[in-house]
């Protein structure tokens, strides 16, 4: 027997269909309204739904597909440096008789990088790139060459300032007051292995590295952007094309290091550069004492920390001596700021101008006291 067909014209059936579609429509409209609100409040969701990469640093900030604009902004101010070094080597008596002199002179070519920091030709580079050299030639982005002279140098930070005499020079944008965070994308630009204006990319791996013992005053940016021979003195650049550091060294594969490079923060490099240009050398505050870190102590919550630095030696008649500080004392604070790292403390003091008065909180045999010291010009250390 054939089934009895349903009569869709039945008023009860039509009523149920209308009720069902009305229910469905209400939920669809509510869902669309919710989606609109979410996309309005969190625009980055739109990029995620569209498959666009989202960069760290806040909602709505997307990672670029290219850093060509940053390179275009910074690269013209990066120069390649070529130097000539004459090495003197003592020779054996038989060879002395042949040569007619007790030494053999050999010429060696070397290379590095630099950053143009002003339109009138000042260049920042590393001290080790231009120390003990006889001839310095600079190659620019636009193909021009120029001889360079050393304006001044600072071995304590491994920095030097050169000068070239050319017109129409592109000065680098320096990020003197820009915060540098671990995880920021950075580009290293330099004369890597003689390949001028090589660009490598990485991130900031760490900041405030001061325990490499490579120079006296350290405050390195660590990066995994490849820094090779010839990169020394070149630019470490952020994603906006601003110079945040001067590349200086890497740990190298000989030590088992891989992608561990270091740059001098541009804030420190700029301070050194400005003083060299103005005075011919760097004027640093000096306290007249040597310090060492205290051992780590275990805290109640199980963490390890230290407070203060140990006074290891005091120069008689120096600022620290005149302020009543003696060997064995512990410095707790400088101008109200806690001290827990001897090398970081020395850098802070060195960046103060001679004649500056500082307040020091000290303990001696468990008894705290405060004192004031007036910094003087740091004497030659070498």
Protein backbone atom coordinates (compact mmCIF):
# COMPACT_ATOMS: atom_id res chain seq x y z
CA UNK A 1 0.00 0.00 0.00
CA UNK A 2 1.34 3.42 -0.91
CA UNK A 3 2.13 5.71 2.02
CA UNK A 4 -0.21 8.56 2.58
CA UNK A 5 1.55 11.80 1.50
CA UNK A 6 1.90 14.57 4.08
CA UNK A 7 -0.01 17.70 3.48
CA UNK A 8 2.53 20.57 3.95
CA UNK A 9 -0.24 23.01 3.61
CA UNK A 10 -1.45 21.95 7.05
CA UNK A 11 -1.39 25.14 9.19
CA UNK A 12 0.24 23.28 12.11
CA UNK A 13 3.13 22.08 9.91
CA UNK A 14 3.74 25.58 8.54
CA UNK A 15 3.72 26.99 12.03
CA UNK A 16 6.39 24.54 13.18
CA UNK A 17 8.59 25.31 10.14
CA UNK A 18 8.34 29.05 10.75
CA UNK A 19 9.17 28.56 14.42
CA UNK A 20 12.24 26.42 13.54
CA UNK A 21 13.67 28.89 11.02
CA UNK A 22 13.02 31.78 13.36
CA UNK A 23 14.96 29.97 16.12
CA UNK A 24 17.82 29.28 13.68
CA UNK A 25 17.91 32.88 12.45
CA UNK A 26 18.13 34.26 15.98
CA UNK A 27 21.24 32.14 16.73
CA UNK A 28 22.91 33.01 13.39
CA UNK A 29 22.37 36.74 14.03
CA UNK A 30 23.69 36.39 17.59
CA UNK A 31 26.79 34.53 16.34
CA UNK A 32 27.53 37.14 13.69
CA UNK A 33 27.14 39.92 16.27
CA UNK A 34 29.54 38.15 18.65
CA UNK A 35 32.08 37.67 15.85
CA UNK A 36 31.87 41.36 14.96
CA UNK A 37 32.47 42.39 18.57
CA UNK A 38 35.47 40.02 18.91
CA UNK A 39 37.08 41.23 15.69
CA UNK A 40 36.49 44.86 16.72
CA UNK A 41 38.10 44.39 20.14
CA UNK A 42 40.93 42.04 19.01
CA UNK A 43 41.94 42.88 15.42
CA UNK A 44 44.78 40.33 15.54
CA UNK A 45 42.16 37.56 15.43
CA UNK A 46 41.38 38.61 11.87
CA UNK A 47 45.04 38.08 10.91
CA UNK A 48 45.13 34.70 12.62
CA UNK A 49 41.97 33.59 10.83
CA UNK A 50 43.43 34.80 7.54
CA UNK A 51 46.66 32.89 8.18
CA UNK A 52 48.82 36.02 8.65
CA UNK A 53 51.76 35.78 11.10
CA UNK A 54 51.35 37.88 14.24
CA UNK A 55 54.48 39.37 15.75
CA UNK A 56 55.24 39.75 19.43
CA UNK A 57 54.68 43.19 20.83
CA UNK A 58 50.94 43.57 21.11
CA UNK A 59 47.64 42.82 19.42
CA UNK A 60 47.26 44.03 15.88
CA UNK A 61 51.03 44.09 15.15
CA UNK A 62 51.82 41.74 12.30
CA UNK A 63 55.24 40.45 11.35
CA UNK A 64 56.35 41.77 7.96
CA UNK A 65 56.93 39.39 5.06
CA UNK A 66 60.14 41.30 4.28
CA UNK A 67 62.69 43.48 6.09
CA UNK A 68 63.80 45.18 2.87
CA UNK A 69 62.59 48.60 4.08
CA UNK A 70 64.73 48.29 7.23
CA UNK A 71 67.75 47.30 5.14
CA UNK A 72 67.15 50.16 2.69
CA UNK A 73 67.10 52.58 5.60
CA UNK A 74 70.23 51.35 7.39
CA UNK A 75 72.53 49.74 4.81
CA UNK A 76 73.69 52.92 3.00
CA UNK A 77 75.30 54.15 6.23
CA UNK A 78 77.30 50.92 6.76
CA UNK A 79 80.82 51.04 5.32
CA UNK A 80 83.47 48.41 4.62
CA UNK A 81 86.88 49.05 6.17
CA UNK A 82 90.14 47.73 4.73
CA UNK A 83 93.39 48.10 6.65
CA UNK A 84 97.06 47.38 6.13
CA UNK A 85 99.11 46.05 9.01
CA UNK A 86 102.91 45.83 8.97
CA UNK A 87 104.08 42.98 11.20
CA UNK A 88 107.65 42.92 12.50
CA UNK A 89 109.16 39.50 13.14
CA UNK A 90 112.57 38.78 14.63
CA UNK A 91 114.75 36.44 12.55
CA UNK A 92 117.60 34.06 13.32
CA UNK A 93 121.26 35.23 13.13
CA UNK A 94 121.95 33.43 9.81
CA UNK A 95 118.93 35.14 8.23
CA UNK A 96 120.00 38.46 9.79
CA UNK A 97 123.28 38.26 7.90
CA UNK A 98 121.42 37.63 4.66
CA UNK A 99 118.84 40.41 5.19
CA UNK A 100 121.26 42.85 6.76
CA UNK A 101 118.81 43.54 9.63
CA UNK A 102 117.51 41.65 12.69
CA UNK A 103 113.87 41.60 11.62
CA UNK A 104 111.53 40.76 8.78
CA UNK A 105 108.66 43.14 7.93
CA UNK A 106 105.50 41.69 6.43
CA UNK A 107 102.41 43.49 5.22
CA UNK A 108 99.04 41.97 6.03
CA UNK A 109 95.64 43.07 4.79
CA UNK A 110 92.67 43.02 7.16
CA UNK A 111 89.05 44.14 7.06
CA UNK A 112 86.11 45.22 9.15
CA UNK A 113 83.02 47.40 9.07
CA UNK A 114 81.85 50.77 10.33
CA UNK A 115 78.74 52.93 10.65
CA UNK A 116 78.46 56.50 9.35
CA UNK A 117 76.95 58.47 12.22
CA UNK A 118 76.95 61.99 10.75
CA UNK A 119 76.78 63.64 7.31
CA UNK A 120 80.21 65.22 7.91
CA UNK A 121 81.99 61.87 7.83
CA UNK A 122 82.33 60.49 11.38
CA UNK A 123 82.35 56.69 11.51
CA UNK A 124 81.89 54.39 14.52
CA UNK A 125 83.79 51.11 14.46
CA UNK A 126 85.65 48.73 16.77
CA UNK A 127 89.02 49.60 18.27
CA UNK A 128 90.39 46.20 17.33
CA UNK A 129 89.57 46.87 13.65
CA UNK A 130 91.85 49.93 13.42
CA UNK A 131 94.42 49.48 16.18
CA UNK A 132 98.09 49.20 15.15
CA UNK A 133 97.37 49.73 11.44
CA UNK A 134 99.21 51.92 8.94
CA UNK A 135 96.54 52.58 6.33
CA UNK A 136 92.73 52.69 6.50
CA UNK A 137 90.52 52.72 3.41
CA UNK A 138 86.72 52.96 3.56
CA UNK A 139 84.34 51.68 0.87
CA UNK A 140 80.86 53.19 0.77
CA UNK A 141 77.51 51.73 -0.30
CA UNK A 142 77.50 53.88 -3.45
CA UNK A 143 80.90 52.60 -4.62
CA UNK A 144 83.05 55.53 -3.47
CA UNK A 145 86.35 54.99 -1.61
CA UNK A 146 88.05 57.32 0.86
CA UNK A 147 91.07 57.33 3.13
CA UNK A 148 90.15 57.53 6.83
CA UNK A 149 91.96 58.95 9.83
CA UNK A 150 91.52 57.87 13.44
CA UNK A 151 89.93 60.66 15.49
CA UNK A 152 90.24 58.72 18.74
CA UNK A 153 89.76 55.32 20.29
CA UNK A 154 88.67 53.68 23.52
CA UNK A 155 90.16 50.22 24.18
CA UNK A 156 88.09 49.91 27.38
CA UNK A 157 84.89 49.53 25.28
CA UNK A 158 86.54 48.37 22.00
CA UNK A 159 85.32 51.45 20.13
CA UNK A 160 86.98 53.91 17.76
CA UNK A 161 85.91 56.94 15.73
CA UNK A 162 87.16 57.54 12.18
CA UNK A 163 86.72 60.53 9.86
CA UNK A 164 86.47 60.67 6.07
CA UNK A 165 86.27 63.76 3.86
CA UNK A 166 83.42 63.24 1.39
CA UNK A 167 80.13 64.97 0.67
CA UNK A 168 76.59 63.59 0.53
CA UNK A 169 77.12 61.01 3.24
CA UNK A 170 74.10 59.09 4.61
CA UNK A 171 74.01 59.17 8.42
CA UNK A 172 72.57 56.13 10.19
CA UNK A 173 69.38 56.49 12.25
CA UNK A 174 70.54 55.73 15.80
CA UNK A 175 68.09 54.23 18.31
CA UNK A 176 69.68 55.86 21.37
CA UNK A 177 66.57 55.73 23.59
CA UNK A 178 64.74 52.71 22.15
CA UNK A 179 64.10 49.82 24.55
CA UNK A 180 65.76 46.56 23.50
CA UNK A 181 63.90 43.38 24.46
CA UNK A 182 64.88 39.74 24.29
CA UNK A 183 63.07 38.30 21.28
CA UNK A 184 63.23 41.45 19.14
CA UNK A 185 64.09 40.77 15.49
CA UNK A 186 67.50 42.22 14.53
CA UNK A 187 69.62 42.44 11.38
CA UNK A 188 73.43 42.44 11.29
CA UNK A 189 74.90 44.40 8.37
CA UNK A 190 78.60 44.42 7.57
CA UNK A 191 81.59 43.36 5.51
CA UNK A 192 81.30 39.67 6.38
CA UNK A 193 84.31 37.72 5.07
CA UNK A 194 84.93 40.58 2.65
CA UNK A 195 81.40 40.41 1.20
CA UNK A 196 80.33 44.01 1.72
CA UNK A 197 76.86 44.82 3.05
CA UNK A 198 76.01 41.26 3.92
CA UNK A 199 72.75 41.11 5.89
CA UNK A 200 71.94 38.36 8.39
CA UNK A 201 68.87 38.06 10.59
CA UNK A 202 68.17 36.79 14.08
CA UNK A 203 66.75 37.92 17.41
CA UNK A 204 68.06 39.54 20.56
CA UNK A 205 69.14 36.55 22.66
CA UNK A 206 70.06 38.47 25.82
CA UNK A 207 70.92 41.97 27.03
CA UNK A 208 73.35 43.30 29.63
CA UNK A 209 76.02 40.65 29.11
CA UNK A 210 79.01 41.84 31.15
CA UNK A 211 80.88 38.67 32.05
CA UNK A 212 82.84 37.97 28.85
CA UNK A 213 86.00 39.63 30.25
CA UNK A 214 86.89 40.87 26.75
CA UNK A 215 87.04 44.58 27.65
CA UNK A 216 86.85 46.55 30.87
CA UNK A 217 83.39 48.04 30.35
CA UNK A 218 80.91 45.49 29.00
CA UNK A 219 77.17 45.75 28.46
CA UNK A 220 76.68 43.58 25.39
CA UNK A 221 73.58 42.74 23.38
CA UNK A 222 73.70 39.03 22.54
CA UNK A 223 72.20 37.92 19.24
CA UNK A 224 71.94 34.80 17.09
CA UNK A 225 72.20 36.85 13.88
CA UNK A 226 75.35 35.55 12.17
CA UNK A 227 78.39 37.75 12.91
CA UNK A 228 81.43 36.65 10.93
CA UNK A 229 84.97 37.93 10.46
CA UNK A 230 84.67 41.36 8.87
CA UNK A 231 81.37 42.16 10.62
CA UNK A 232 83.22 43.83 13.49
CA UNK A 233 82.26 47.49 13.70
CA UNK A 234 79.12 47.03 11.59
CA UNK A 235 75.52 47.74 12.47
CA UNK A 236 73.02 45.73 14.48
CA UNK A 237 69.66 47.04 13.30
CA UNK A 238 66.09 46.66 14.54
CA UNK A 239 63.07 45.92 12.34
CA UNK A 240 62.56 49.65 11.74
CA UNK A 241 66.04 50.08 10.31
CA UNK A 242 67.45 51.87 13.38
CA UNK A 243 70.95 51.05 14.60
CA UNK A 244 70.74 49.58 18.11
CA UNK A 245 74.30 48.29 18.41
CA UNK A 246 77.83 48.04 16.99
CA UNK A 247 78.72 44.42 16.24
CA UNK A 248 81.95 43.46 17.96
CA UNK A 249 82.60 39.73 18.27
CA UNK A 250 81.30 36.17 18.45
CA UNK A 251 82.30 33.22 20.58
CA UNK A 252 83.29 31.17 17.55
CA UNK A 253 83.17 27.49 16.80
CA UNK A 254 86.59 26.96 18.40
CA UNK A 255 84.86 27.37 21.77
CA UNK A 256 81.87 25.31 20.73
CA UNK A 257 79.80 28.43 20.13
CA UNK A 258 77.25 28.65 17.35
CA UNK A 259 75.18 31.75 16.55
CA UNK A 260 76.39 33.54 19.67
CA UNK A 261 77.37 37.07 18.71
CA UNK A 262 77.66 40.33 20.63
CA UNK A 263 77.12 44.01 19.94
CA UNK A 264 77.82 47.16 21.96
CA UNK A 265 74.55 49.02 22.66
CA UNK A 266 74.33 52.22 20.64
CA UNK A 267 73.56 54.22 23.80
CA UNK A 268 76.99 53.29 25.23
CA UNK A 269 78.72 53.63 21.84
CA UNK A 270 77.17 57.07 21.24
CA UNK A 271 78.35 58.34 24.61
CA UNK A 272 81.91 57.21 23.87
CA UNK A 273 81.73 58.65 20.34
CA UNK A 274 80.44 62.05 21.48
CA UNK A 275 83.27 62.41 24.00
CA UNK A 276 85.95 61.35 21.52
CA UNK A 277 84.68 63.90 18.99
CA UNK A 278 84.47 66.67 21.61
CA UNK A 279 87.54 65.94 23.76
CA UNK A 280 89.64 63.49 21.74
CA UNK A 281 89.25 60.88 24.48
CA UNK A 282 86.68 59.53 26.92
CA UNK A 283 86.23 61.30 30.25
CA UNK A 284 85.05 58.84 32.89
CA UNK A 285 84.16 59.10 36.52
CA UNK A 286 86.44 57.16 38.87
CA UNK A 287 85.89 56.13 42.48
CA UNK A 288 89.40 54.87 43.21
CA UNK A 289 88.49 51.39 44.40
CA UNK A 290 88.24 47.83 43.16
CA UNK A 291 85.27 45.58 43.84
CA UNK A 292 84.19 41.96 43.57
CA UNK A 293 80.86 40.15 43.63
CA UNK A 294 79.62 38.59 46.84
CA UNK A 295 78.69 34.87 46.91
CA UNK A 296 75.07 34.02 46.16
CA UNK A 297 72.95 33.44 49.25
CA UNK A 298 69.87 31.23 49.53
CA UNK A 299 66.63 33.11 50.22
CA UNK A 300 63.61 31.92 52.22
CA UNK A 301 61.69 31.09 49.04
CA UNK A 302 64.50 28.87 47.79
CA UNK A 303 65.90 31.36 45.25
CA UNK A 304 69.52 32.49 45.18
CA UNK A 305 70.47 36.17 45.12
CA UNK A 306 73.06 38.61 46.36
CA UNK A 307 72.95 42.14 47.67
CA UNK A 308 75.94 44.39 47.62
CA UNK A 309 79.50 44.20 46.31
CA UNK A 310 82.72 43.73 48.28
CA UNK A 311 85.36 46.46 48.43
CA UNK A 312 88.55 44.64 47.49
CA UNK A 313 91.04 47.51 47.35
CA UNK A 314 90.94 51.28 47.96
CA UNK A 315 93.43 53.78 46.52
CA UNK A 316 94.71 56.07 49.33
CA UNK A 317 93.72 59.67 48.66
CA UNK A 318 91.12 58.71 46.06
CA UNK A 319 87.41 59.55 46.18
CA UNK A 320 86.41 56.33 47.96
CA UNK A 321 89.20 56.71 50.52
CA UNK A 322 88.24 60.32 51.22
CA UNK A 323 84.60 59.18 51.66
CA UNK A 324 85.69 56.81 54.45
CA UNK A 325 85.36 53.57 52.49
CA UNK A 326 87.87 50.87 53.33
CA UNK A 327 88.84 47.39 52.21
CA UNK A 328 86.29 44.79 53.33
CA UNK A 329 83.31 47.16 53.30
CA UNK A 330 80.19 46.17 51.37
CA UNK A 331 78.50 48.69 49.07
CA UNK A 332 74.73 48.23 49.07
CA UNK A 333 73.37 51.12 46.98
CA UNK A 334 74.40 53.97 44.70
CA UNK A 335 72.15 57.06 44.84
CA UNK A 336 69.38 54.91 46.26
CA UNK A 337 69.69 52.20 43.59
CA UNK A 338 70.53 48.69 44.75
CA UNK A 339 73.96 47.28 43.82
CA UNK A 340 74.55 43.57 43.23
CA UNK A 341 76.98 43.36 40.29
CA UNK A 342 80.53 44.74 40.50
CA UNK A 343 81.10 45.15 36.75
CA UNK A 344 77.71 46.79 36.19
CA UNK A 345 78.50 49.17 39.08
CA UNK A 346 81.85 50.17 37.54
CA UNK A 347 80.12 50.89 34.20
CA UNK A 348 77.55 53.13 35.91
CA UNK A 349 80.33 55.05 37.72
CA UNK A 350 82.36 55.34 34.51
CA UNK A 351 79.42 56.93 32.70
CA UNK A 352 79.17 59.69 35.31
CA UNK A 353 81.10 62.87 34.61
CA UNK A 354 84.14 63.68 36.73
CA UNK A 355 83.09 66.07 39.51
CA UNK A 356 79.77 64.28 40.08
CA UNK A 357 78.87 63.65 43.73
CA UNK A 358 77.38 60.23 44.48
CA UNK A 359 75.74 58.84 47.61
CA UNK A 360 76.83 55.38 48.74
CA UNK A 361 75.16 53.09 51.26
CA UNK A 362 77.75 50.90 52.95
CA UNK A 363 78.00 48.26 55.66
CA UNK A 364 81.07 47.51 57.77
CA UNK A 365 81.01 44.59 60.17
CA UNK A 366 77.23 44.56 59.90
CA UNK A 367 76.86 48.28 60.73
CA UNK A 368 75.27 50.38 57.93
CA UNK A 369 76.26 53.95 57.13
CA UNK A 370 75.92 56.43 54.26
CA UNK A 371 78.64 58.56 52.73
CA UNK A 372 79.26 60.85 49.77
CA UNK A 373 82.08 60.70 47.23
CA UNK A 374 83.03 63.13 44.45
CA UNK A 375 84.20 61.31 41.34
CA UNK A 376 87.41 62.33 39.60
CA UNK A 377 88.74 61.71 36.09
CA UNK A 378 89.73 58.08 35.59
CA UNK A 379 93.54 57.90 35.26
CA UNK A 380 95.12 55.97 32.37
CA UNK A 381 94.68 52.25 32.97
CA UNK A 382 97.38 51.02 30.57
